[in-house]
Amino acid sequence: MIVIVLKLEVQQGKKEEFIEIAKRMVEGSQKEAGNIEYNLYEGLDEENVVAFIEKWKDQPALDLHEKMEHFTGNIGKLKSLCAKPPVRDRFDIVK
């Protein structure tokens, strides 16, 4: 399993717009066959910080996800609403 945590700082005044776009990405991603979990979270300590937390069956499922229209059509828009580049970390379960 691959777990991705994508932390983003949204520009001041752009959070509602960001969330509306992100909801489309979440909805489409949750329907993908290799998806285990895909959600957007709001930061509790920082007002404009959000994080996508994703769980994928394997690398081929993640590779396919990154080619899907709901991803490719929205990720650029989301990044343009950010105050700085996102931080992306990948994890696997400790065995």
Protein backbone atom coordinates (compact mmCIF):
# COMPACT_ATOMS: atom_id res chain seq x y z
CA MET A 1 0.00 0.00 0.00
CA ILE A 2 1.15 3.55 -0.72
CA VAL A 3 0.06 6.41 1.52
CA ILE A 4 0.49 9.97 0.32
CA VAL A 5 0.21 13.09 2.46
CA LEU A 6 0.07 16.23 0.34
CA LYS A 7 0.16 19.35 2.52
CA LEU A 8 -0.80 22.67 0.92
CA GLU A 9 -0.98 26.24 2.16
CA VAL A 10 -3.82 28.03 0.38
CA GLN A 11 -3.57 31.74 -0.44
CA GLN A 12 -5.47 34.07 1.87
CA GLY A 13 -9.07 34.42 0.67
CA LYS A 14 -8.86 31.46 -1.75
CA LYS A 15 -9.76 28.56 0.55
CA GLU A 16 -13.43 28.27 -0.47
CA GLU A 17 -12.49 28.21 -4.17
CA PHE A 18 -9.77 25.64 -3.43
CA ILE A 19 -12.19 23.38 -1.55
CA GLU A 20 -14.80 23.49 -4.33
CA ILE A 21 -12.23 22.33 -6.88
CA ALA A 22 -10.74 19.78 -4.47
CA LYS A 23 -14.14 18.19 -3.85
CA ARG A 24 -14.33 17.21 -7.54
CA MET A 25 -10.92 15.58 -7.29
CA VAL A 26 -11.83 13.74 -4.09
CA GLU A 27 -15.11 12.46 -5.53
CA GLY A 28 -13.49 11.11 -8.69
CA SER A 29 -10.51 9.63 -6.89
CA GLN A 30 -12.63 7.75 -4.37
CA LYS A 31 -14.29 5.90 -7.25
CA GLU A 32 -11.03 4.56 -8.69
CA ALA A 33 -10.50 0.81 -8.42
CA GLY A 34 -7.08 1.03 -6.75
CA ASN A 35 -8.10 3.66 -4.21
CA ILE A 36 -8.38 2.67 -0.57
CA GLU A 37 -8.90 6.16 0.88
CA TYR A 38 -8.79 9.70 -0.49
CA ASN A 39 -9.86 12.70 1.58
CA LEU A 40 -9.14 16.38 2.07
CA TYR A 41 -8.50 17.61 5.62
CA GLU A 42 -8.43 21.12 7.05
CA GLY A 43 -5.64 22.10 9.41
CA LEU A 44 -6.69 22.65 13.00
CA ASP A 45 -3.68 24.78 13.90
CA GLU A 46 -3.20 26.76 10.68
CA GLU A 47 -6.23 28.37 9.05
CA ASN A 48 -5.16 28.10 5.40
CA VAL A 49 -3.46 24.70 5.53
CA VAL A 50 -5.11 21.64 4.02
CA ALA A 51 -3.90 18.13 3.32
CA PHE A 52 -4.90 15.39 0.95
CA ILE A 53 -4.36 12.01 2.57
CA GLU A 54 -4.49 9.20 0.06
CA LYS A 55 -4.11 5.43 0.27
CA TRP A 56 -3.49 3.41 -2.88
CA LYS A 57 -3.35 -0.34 -3.44
CA ASP A 58 -0.02 -0.14 -5.28
CA GLN A 59 2.14 1.98 -7.59
CA PRO A 60 0.23 1.05 -10.78
CA ALA A 61 -3.00 2.31 -9.15
CA LEU A 62 -1.29 5.58 -8.22
CA ASP A 63 0.20 5.93 -11.71
CA LEU A 64 -3.26 5.48 -13.26
CA HIS A 65 -4.75 8.01 -10.83
CA GLU A 66 -2.27 10.66 -11.94
CA LYS A 67 -3.52 10.23 -15.54
CA MET A 68 -7.24 10.53 -14.73
CA GLU A 69 -9.14 13.62 -15.91
CA HIS A 70 -10.39 14.51 -12.41
CA PHE A 71 -6.73 14.70 -11.36
CA THR A 72 -5.07 16.26 -14.42
CA GLY A 73 -7.90 18.75 -14.91
CA ASN A 74 -7.76 20.06 -11.35
CA ILE A 75 -4.29 19.71 -9.83
CA GLY A 76 -2.90 22.71 -11.72
CA LYS A 77 -5.84 24.86 -10.61
CA LEU A 78 -5.30 23.82 -7.00
CA LYS A 79 -1.58 24.56 -7.11
CA SER A 80 -2.28 28.02 -8.55
CA LEU A 81 -4.35 28.81 -5.43
CA CYS A 82 -1.49 27.91 -3.09
CA ALA A 83 0.76 30.39 -1.30
CA LYS A 84 3.79 28.13 -1.74
CA PRO A 85 4.65 24.78 -3.33
CA PRO A 86 2.96 21.73 -1.77
CA VAL A 87 4.85 19.28 0.42
CA ARG A 88 4.36 15.67 -0.71
CA ASP A 89 5.42 12.70 1.41
CA ARG A 90 4.98 9.01 0.53
CA PHE A 91 4.70 6.22 3.07
CA ASP A 92 4.27 2.47 3.33
CA ILE A 93 3.14 0.39 6.29
CA VAL A 94 5.94 -0.78 8.56
CA LYS A 95 6.16 -4.55 8.35
